[in-house]
Protein backbone atom coordinates (compact mmCIF):
# COMPACT_ATOMS: atom_id res chain seq x y z
CA UNK A 1 83.44 101.11 145.49
CA UNK A 2 79.66 100.70 145.87
CA UNK A 3 77.25 100.04 143.06
CA UNK A 4 76.14 103.67 143.29
CA UNK A 5 79.63 105.12 143.18
CA UNK A 6 80.48 107.02 140.02
CA UNK A 7 82.98 105.44 137.67
CA UNK A 8 86.44 106.96 138.07
CA UNK A 9 87.36 109.34 135.28
CA UNK A 10 90.55 108.16 133.55
CA UNK A 11 93.39 110.63 133.45
CA UNK A 12 93.71 112.24 130.04
CA UNK A 13 96.42 110.83 127.83
CA UNK A 14 98.97 113.56 127.16
CA UNK A 15 99.20 114.55 123.52
CA UNK A 16 102.55 115.70 122.27
CA UNK A 17 102.28 117.52 118.96
CA UNK A 18 104.82 116.55 116.38
CA UNK A 19 107.82 118.77 115.86
CA UNK A 20 108.80 119.92 112.37
CA UNK A 21 112.06 118.11 113.15
CA UNK A 22 110.28 114.78 113.67
CA UNK A 23 110.75 112.24 110.86
CA UNK A 24 107.88 112.13 108.35
CA UNK A 25 105.29 109.36 108.87
CA UNK A 26 106.69 106.98 106.24
CA UNK A 27 110.35 107.54 107.05
CA UNK A 28 112.13 104.18 106.70
CA UNK A 29 109.56 102.76 104.25
CA UNK A 30 111.01 101.74 100.87
CA UNK A 31 108.76 101.60 97.82
CA UNK A 32 109.75 100.03 94.50
CA UNK A 33 107.50 100.99 91.58
CA UNK A 34 107.37 99.67 88.03
CA UNK A 35 105.14 102.45 86.86
CA UNK A 36 104.15 104.65 83.96
CA UNK A 37 101.70 107.40 83.00
CA UNK A 38 99.62 108.70 85.95
CA UNK A 39 97.83 106.21 88.20
CA UNK A 40 100.77 104.41 89.81
CA UNK A 41 103.17 107.39 89.69
CA UNK A 42 100.64 109.66 91.40
CA UNK A 43 100.00 107.03 94.08
CA UNK A 44 103.69 106.60 94.84
CA UNK A 45 104.26 110.35 94.84
CA UNK A 46 101.86 110.58 97.78
CA UNK A 47 104.02 108.01 99.58
CA UNK A 48 107.17 109.99 98.72
CA UNK A 49 105.58 113.18 100.07
CA UNK A 50 105.04 111.38 103.39
CA UNK A 51 108.70 110.43 103.59
CA UNK A 52 108.91 107.03 101.88
CA UNK A 53 111.90 106.26 99.71
CA UNK A 54 110.45 105.60 96.25
CA UNK A 55 112.59 103.81 93.65
CA UNK A 56 111.07 104.26 90.20
CA UNK A 57 111.94 101.53 87.71
CA UNK A 58 111.84 102.77 84.11
CA UNK A 59 112.65 101.38 80.68
CA UNK A 60 116.16 102.22 79.45
CA UNK A 61 114.78 103.31 76.05
CA UNK A 62 112.98 106.49 77.04
CA UNK A 63 111.69 105.58 80.48
CA UNK A 64 108.16 106.29 81.66
CA UNK A 65 106.34 107.31 78.49
CA UNK A 66 104.77 110.23 80.37
CA UNK A 67 108.20 111.87 80.11
CA UNK A 68 107.38 112.56 76.46
CA UNK A 69 103.78 113.80 76.79
CA UNK A 70 104.78 117.46 76.37
CA UNK A 71 107.58 119.91 77.13
CA UNK A 72 105.52 122.53 78.96
CA UNK A 73 107.48 122.50 82.26
CA UNK A 74 110.59 124.27 80.97
CA UNK A 75 111.28 121.36 78.64
CA UNK A 76 109.96 118.60 80.90
CA UNK A 77 106.53 116.97 80.63
CA UNK A 78 103.95 118.53 82.92
CA UNK A 79 102.34 115.19 83.83
CA UNK A 80 105.72 113.73 84.75
CA UNK A 81 106.77 116.71 86.88
CA UNK A 82 103.46 116.61 88.76
CA UNK A 83 103.49 112.88 89.56
CA UNK A 84 107.17 112.02 90.07
CA UNK A 85 108.92 114.38 92.44
CA UNK A 86 110.87 112.92 95.33
CA UNK A 87 111.77 109.65 93.59
CA UNK A 88 114.94 107.84 92.56
CA UNK A 89 115.06 106.63 88.95
CA UNK A 90 116.71 103.43 87.82
CA UNK A 91 116.54 102.51 84.13
CA UNK A 92 116.21 98.73 83.91
CA UNK A 93 115.25 96.25 81.17
CA UNK A 94 112.99 93.77 82.96
CA UNK A 95 112.78 91.51 79.92
CA UNK A 96 116.43 90.65 80.42
CA UNK A 97 116.92 88.10 83.24
CA UNK A 98 119.75 90.24 84.62
CA UNK A 99 117.41 93.23 84.86
CA UNK A 100 114.80 91.13 86.62
CA UNK A 101 117.47 89.93 89.04
CA UNK A 102 118.31 93.55 89.88
CA UNK A 103 114.63 94.23 90.52
CA UNK A 104 114.45 91.33 92.96
CA UNK A 105 117.54 92.68 94.66
CA UNK A 106 115.67 95.93 95.22
CA UNK A 107 112.54 94.10 96.36
CA UNK A 108 114.49 92.07 98.92
CA UNK A 109 114.78 95.20 101.06
CA UNK A 110 111.48 96.85 100.09
CA UNK A 111 108.26 97.34 102.03
CA UNK A 112 105.94 98.21 99.14
CA UNK A 113 105.78 97.37 95.44
CA UNK A 114 103.45 99.13 93.00
CA UNK A 115 102.94 98.35 89.31
CA UNK A 116 100.55 99.43 86.58
CA UNK A 117 101.88 97.57 83.55
CA UNK A 118 99.44 96.41 80.88
CA UNK A 119 97.23 93.62 82.18
CA UNK A 120 99.13 90.31 82.17
CA UNK A 121 102.60 91.84 81.70
CA UNK A 122 103.50 91.72 85.39
CA UNK A 123 102.32 88.10 85.70
CA UNK A 124 104.47 87.10 82.71
CA UNK A 125 107.47 88.58 84.51
CA UNK A 126 106.48 86.97 87.81
CA UNK A 127 106.05 90.36 89.52
CA UNK A 128 102.30 90.49 89.96
CA UNK A 129 101.14 91.18 93.51
CA UNK A 130 100.16 87.61 94.39
CA UNK A 131 103.45 86.12 93.15
CA UNK A 132 105.57 88.71 94.92
CA UNK A 133 103.71 88.41 98.23
CA UNK A 134 104.25 84.65 98.14
CA UNK A 135 107.99 85.25 97.70
CA UNK A 136 108.26 88.20 100.11
CA UNK A 137 105.67 87.68 102.90
CA UNK A 138 106.20 91.13 104.46
CA UNK A 139 105.83 92.96 101.15
CA UNK A 140 102.75 95.05 100.40
CA UNK A 141 102.31 94.64 96.63
CA UNK A 142 99.84 96.67 94.57
CA UNK A 143 98.45 95.86 91.12
CA UNK A 144 96.75 98.82 89.41
CA UNK A 145 94.85 97.94 86.25
CA UNK A 146 92.17 99.37 84.01
CA UNK A 147 89.41 96.86 84.67
CA UNK A 148 90.73 94.28 87.16
CA UNK A 149 92.37 90.89 86.79
CA UNK A 150 89.21 88.96 85.90
CA UNK A 151 86.08 89.41 83.81
CA UNK A 152 85.52 90.08 80.10
CA UNK A 153 87.31 93.45 80.21
CA UNK A 154 90.42 92.20 82.05
CA UNK A 155 92.73 92.48 79.02
CA UNK A 156 91.08 95.51 77.42
CA UNK A 157 93.44 98.44 76.93
CA UNK A 158 92.62 101.15 79.43
CA UNK A 159 93.49 104.84 79.26
CA UNK A 160 91.95 107.55 81.37
CA UNK A 161 89.44 108.94 78.84
CA UNK A 162 88.36 105.44 77.83
CA UNK A 163 87.63 104.52 81.44
CA UNK A 164 85.82 107.83 81.97
CA UNK A 165 83.53 106.74 79.12
CA UNK A 166 83.06 103.17 80.40
CA UNK A 167 82.31 104.47 83.91
CA UNK A 168 79.60 106.83 82.68
CA UNK A 169 81.40 109.97 83.84
CA UNK A 170 81.37 111.46 80.35
CA UNK A 171 77.63 110.80 80.05
CA UNK A 172 76.89 113.15 82.97
CA UNK A 173 79.49 115.82 82.12
CA UNK A 174 78.92 118.54 79.58
CA UNK A 175 75.89 120.25 78.09
CA UNK A 176 72.53 118.77 77.09
CA UNK A 177 73.78 118.79 73.50
CA UNK A 178 77.24 117.31 74.01
CA UNK A 179 78.96 115.07 76.57
CA UNK A 180 82.56 115.94 77.44
CA UNK A 181 85.34 114.26 79.37
CA UNK A 182 86.61 115.69 82.63
CA UNK A 183 89.43 118.18 82.16
CA UNK A 184 91.72 116.21 84.48
CA UNK A 185 92.58 112.47 84.40
CA UNK A 186 89.83 111.55 86.84
CA UNK A 187 90.07 107.76 86.41
CA UNK A 188 93.84 107.79 86.90
CA UNK A 189 93.60 110.02 89.96
CA UNK A 190 90.80 107.94 91.49
CA UNK A 191 92.81 104.73 91.12
CA UNK A 192 95.93 106.45 92.46
CA UNK A 193 94.24 107.64 95.62
CA UNK A 194 92.70 104.23 96.37
CA UNK A 195 96.11 102.62 95.80
CA UNK A 196 97.65 105.16 98.18
CA UNK A 197 95.08 104.54 100.91
CA UNK A 198 95.28 100.78 100.28
CA UNK A 199 99.03 100.84 100.89
CA UNK A 200 98.60 102.76 104.14
CA UNK A 201 95.94 100.30 105.34
CA UNK A 202 98.09 97.31 104.39
CA UNK A 203 101.10 98.76 106.22
CA UNK A 204 98.95 99.20 109.33
CA UNK A 205 97.84 95.59 109.07
CA UNK A 206 101.43 94.46 108.61
CA UNK A 207 102.36 96.31 111.78
CA UNK A 208 99.83 94.18 113.66
CA UNK A 209 100.32 90.83 111.91
CA UNK A 210 103.79 90.96 110.38
CA UNK A 211 102.31 90.07 106.98
CA UNK A 212 102.06 92.23 103.89
CA UNK A 213 99.79 91.07 101.13
CA UNK A 214 98.40 91.94 97.73
CA UNK A 215 96.32 95.05 97.05
CA UNK A 216 94.27 95.34 93.85
CA UNK A 217 92.85 98.57 92.43
CA UNK A 218 91.17 99.05 89.07
CA UNK A 219 90.48 102.36 87.41
CA UNK A 220 86.91 101.33 86.57
CA UNK A 221 86.17 100.27 90.16
CA UNK A 222 87.62 103.50 91.52
CA UNK A 223 85.74 105.80 89.15
CA UNK A 224 82.51 103.81 89.51
CA UNK A 225 82.70 104.56 93.24
CA UNK A 226 83.14 108.26 92.47
CA UNK A 227 80.00 108.08 90.32
CA UNK A 228 77.99 107.55 93.50
CA UNK A 229 75.40 110.32 93.16
CA UNK A 230 74.42 109.83 89.51
CA UNK A 231 74.69 106.04 89.87
CA UNK A 232 72.34 105.85 92.86
CA UNK A 233 70.05 108.49 91.37
CA UNK A 234 69.70 106.34 88.24
CA UNK A 235 69.46 102.93 89.95
CA UNK A 236 66.95 103.99 92.56
CA UNK A 237 65.19 106.91 90.89
CA UNK A 238 64.92 105.41 87.44
CA UNK A 239 66.38 108.35 85.53
CA UNK A 240 69.92 109.43 84.80
CA UNK A 241 70.65 113.05 85.83
CA UNK A 242 70.65 115.27 82.77
CA UNK A 243 73.79 117.08 81.66
CA UNK A 244 73.46 120.72 82.63
CA UNK A 245 76.86 122.25 81.90
CA UNK A 246 77.90 124.30 84.93
CA UNK A 247 74.40 124.15 86.38
CA UNK A 248 73.37 121.59 88.99
CA UNK A 249 70.97 118.91 87.82
CA UNK A 250 68.59 119.13 90.81
CA UNK A 251 69.27 122.55 92.42
CA UNK A 252 68.47 126.04 91.09
CA UNK A 253 69.90 128.58 90.94
CA UNK A 254 73.30 126.87 90.87
CA UNK A 255 75.27 128.11 87.86
CA UNK A 256 77.77 130.69 86.62
CA UNK A 257 76.43 134.07 85.51
CA UNK A 258 78.18 136.82 83.49
CA UNK A 259 79.00 140.08 85.28
CA UNK A 260 79.32 143.59 83.90
CA UNK A 261 83.12 143.41 83.67
CA UNK A 262 83.21 140.22 81.58
CA UNK A 263 83.89 137.79 84.43
CA UNK A 264 81.56 135.00 85.52
CA UNK A 265 80.42 134.38 89.09
CA UNK A 266 79.02 131.06 90.22
CA UNK A 267 76.47 130.97 93.01
CA UNK A 268 74.63 128.18 94.77
CA UNK A 269 71.32 128.40 96.60
CA UNK A 270 70.99 125.27 98.73
CA UNK A 271 67.59 125.87 100.34
CA UNK A 272 64.57 128.15 100.29
CA UNK A 273 65.86 130.34 103.15
CA UNK A 274 68.87 131.17 101.03
CA UNK A 275 66.62 131.93 98.07
CA UNK A 276 64.75 134.44 100.21
CA UNK A 277 68.01 136.18 101.13
CA UNK A 278 69.16 136.16 97.51
CA UNK A 279 65.89 137.66 96.30
CA UNK A 280 65.85 140.37 98.96
CA UNK A 281 69.52 141.34 99.28
CA UNK A 282 71.11 140.58 95.91
CA UNK A 283 68.38 140.53 93.27
CA UNK A 284 66.53 143.33 95.09
CA UNK A 285 63.25 141.66 94.19
CA UNK A 286 61.78 140.59 97.54
CA UNK A 287 58.48 139.57 95.92
CA UNK A 288 60.24 136.53 94.39
CA UNK A 289 60.69 135.06 97.87
CA UNK A 290 56.96 134.30 98.05
CA UNK A 291 56.19 133.85 94.36
CA UNK A 292 55.03 130.21 93.87
CA UNK A 293 57.09 130.03 90.67
CA UNK A 294 60.30 130.59 92.67
CA UNK A 295 59.63 129.99 96.36
CA UNK A 296 60.73 126.32 96.44
CA UNK A 297 63.69 124.54 94.91
CA UNK A 298 61.34 122.17 93.07
CA UNK A 299 59.61 125.16 91.45
CA UNK A 300 62.88 126.92 90.65
CA UNK A 301 64.29 123.77 89.06
CA UNK A 302 61.12 123.17 86.99
CA UNK A 303 61.35 126.74 85.76
CA UNK A 304 65.14 126.78 85.54
CA UNK A 305 65.20 129.10 82.51
CA UNK A 306 63.13 131.76 84.29
CA UNK A 307 65.12 131.34 87.50
CA UNK A 308 68.43 131.73 85.70
CA UNK A 309 67.11 134.71 83.77
CA UNK A 310 66.24 136.75 86.88
CA UNK A 311 69.59 135.95 88.50
CA UNK A 312 71.51 136.71 85.30
CA UNK A 313 69.70 140.04 84.90
CA UNK A 314 70.72 141.15 88.37
CA UNK A 315 74.36 140.07 88.11
CA UNK A 316 74.78 141.54 84.62
CA UNK A 317 74.60 145.01 86.16
CA UNK A 318 77.32 144.32 88.73
CA UNK A 319 81.08 143.89 88.48
CA UNK A 320 82.43 140.58 89.73
CA UNK A 321 83.84 142.08 92.94
CA UNK A 322 80.56 143.83 93.73
CA UNK A 323 78.53 140.70 92.94
CA UNK A 324 80.66 138.54 95.21
CA UNK A 325 80.51 141.20 97.93
CA UNK A 326 76.71 141.23 97.85
CA UNK A 327 76.45 137.44 97.73
CA UNK A 328 78.79 136.98 100.66
CA UNK A 329 77.03 139.66 102.68
CA UNK A 330 73.77 137.75 102.09
CA UNK A 331 75.36 134.44 103.12
CA UNK A 332 75.11 132.93 99.62
CA UNK A 333 77.86 130.53 98.55
CA UNK A 334 79.69 131.87 95.53
CA UNK A 335 82.92 131.62 93.57
CA UNK A 336 84.72 133.11 90.62
CA UNK A 337 84.97 131.02 87.48
CA UNK A 338 88.77 131.04 87.45
CA UNK A 339 91.15 130.01 84.73
CA UNK A 340 94.11 127.72 85.45
CA UNK A 341 96.38 130.77 85.34
CA UNK A 342 94.22 132.42 88.00
CA UNK A 343 94.52 129.28 90.14
CA UNK A 344 98.31 129.55 89.89
CA UNK A 345 98.12 133.01 91.46
CA UNK A 346 95.13 132.36 93.73
CA UNK A 347 95.24 134.67 96.76
CA UNK A 348 94.15 131.91 99.16
CA UNK A 349 97.01 129.63 98.12
CA UNK A 350 99.45 132.53 98.45
CA UNK A 351 98.10 133.61 101.84
CA UNK A 352 98.43 130.07 103.20
CA UNK A 353 101.98 129.74 101.82
CA UNK A 354 101.09 126.67 99.75
CA UNK A 355 103.82 127.02 97.11
CA UNK A 356 107.32 125.55 97.23
CA UNK A 357 110.10 124.90 94.74
CA UNK A 358 111.36 121.43 93.85
CA UNK A 359 114.50 120.52 92.00
CA UNK A 360 114.51 119.02 88.52
CA UNK A 361 116.93 118.37 85.65
CA UNK A 362 116.04 121.83 84.30
CA UNK A 363 116.27 123.70 87.60
CA UNK A 364 113.74 124.70 90.29
CA UNK A 365 110.02 124.30 89.52
CA UNK A 366 107.01 125.58 91.46
CA UNK A 367 104.94 122.91 93.17
CA UNK A 368 102.05 122.88 95.58
CA UNK A 369 102.42 121.46 99.06
CA UNK A 370 100.60 118.12 99.35
CA UNK A 371 97.02 118.51 100.68
CA UNK A 372 97.65 116.36 103.78
CA UNK A 373 98.76 118.61 106.62
CA UNK A 374 101.08 116.72 108.95
CA UNK A 375 100.81 116.97 112.77
CA UNK A 376 102.61 119.89 114.32
CA UNK A 377 103.32 121.37 110.92
CA UNK A 378 105.97 118.76 110.09
CA UNK A 379 107.24 119.45 106.59
CA UNK A 380 106.45 116.96 103.82
CA UNK A 381 109.26 115.54 101.79
CA UNK A 382 109.21 117.31 98.43
CA UNK A 383 112.25 115.95 96.62
CA UNK A 384 113.47 116.60 93.12
CA UNK A 385 112.01 115.29 89.86
CA UNK A 386 114.55 112.68 88.69
CA UNK A 387 116.24 112.43 85.34
CA UNK A 388 115.92 109.06 83.62
CA UNK A 389 118.36 106.65 85.25
CA UNK A 390 119.76 109.35 87.51
CA UNK A 391 120.17 106.90 90.40
CA UNK A 392 120.95 103.72 88.46
CA UNK A 393 124.62 103.46 89.38
CA UNK A 394 124.12 104.35 93.05
CA UNK A 395 121.36 101.77 93.41
CA UNK A 396 123.38 99.05 91.67
CA UNK A 397 126.41 99.75 93.83
CA UNK A 398 124.18 99.57 96.92
CA UNK A 399 123.26 96.05 95.78
CA UNK A 400 126.96 95.15 95.78
CA UNK A 401 127.74 95.41 92.07
CA UNK A 402 131.20 96.41 90.92
CA UNK A 403 132.01 99.06 88.37
CA UNK A 404 132.91 96.38 85.84
CA UNK A 405 129.55 94.62 86.30
CA UNK A 406 127.69 97.89 85.89
CA UNK A 407 129.68 98.71 82.76
CA UNK A 408 128.71 95.34 81.27
CA UNK A 409 125.03 95.91 82.02
CA UNK A 410 125.19 99.35 80.42
CA UNK A 411 126.96 97.98 77.36
CA UNK A 412 124.27 95.31 76.93
CA UNK A 413 121.43 97.83 77.35
CA UNK A 414 120.16 96.17 80.54
CA UNK A 415 120.50 99.43 82.48
CA UNK A 416 120.88 103.07 81.55
């Protein structure tokens, strides 16, 4: 080959799409979780959905306290149903040395351990991530906490709404008159998803090095990352974004407006070209496209009340369907302000066949498919919601215990 010869083009690597009959990505991975409430359970549910075997360790006296949050899911707690499908439940008293011994028996064959006990509790039991990784070098062990293992807040009690407040989320959510918390457990979910991705990354590293290792996630760290826009706006711009309810702090019009039939339609104008189309095709006031009081986003935001008034006037004379039809025809982003009940019957979810049924102690329950679409359409593992201690005996027998030993542990309240 001469210096002027073109480089040979490598043959393309054949890609074989996965079959729905292929094993799920985490098939063969065993997860042991000492978990409660939302953050750790939601993280391990993601792993279960991808095919991991998840063994949930619960207290014998009532189990995960999220089981008692409500009875809305046909007698079961809605939080628990959402975050715990596809798991095996063993009820185990870890304060009893025999219970702790059972846990280590489970960990001896595990790939991942996740815990979100109160700060310091896992270390007192010797099951914090650092201690376990020293004992089991291939184990990926995750500590989820409210504020992290060090610093002045390390031992502060941390629940979702409290962390939302500490992270500043509540300060930017709500109306100018009143801050409000997010309507979902945002701090718990943020920590759960970073724990989930941290486990996947650590498993990849273990595949290359043979070593597991500790993973640490705090709710405050996770939610502080999600506060990126208002945080950077404040640090670098000098002012915190104001609370604007449904409106956007720096874009106008971007809000929900009542329609003639009592619904509300949200629309978003992202640039001045879109404003021109809105003015001409939806508001039917083409003169506003050139009016200096409206022609630029900066002007529309300064005069937000006037901007919102002209949009509200136009949409008030239209039904929601007609308003959305006009907005979409003009290329303006829009949405209905749906209730949770409307989400449950959303036509897009139905059209894309996103609903399934999962088993539970009270019978089948509707559940959404996980958001991660697997290659080739391979089906996620969506197992049943477990009853407390449903798998205790099977797991103990798998560890080699006899019926007499299990009976003794039950009698002494070590297992349930």
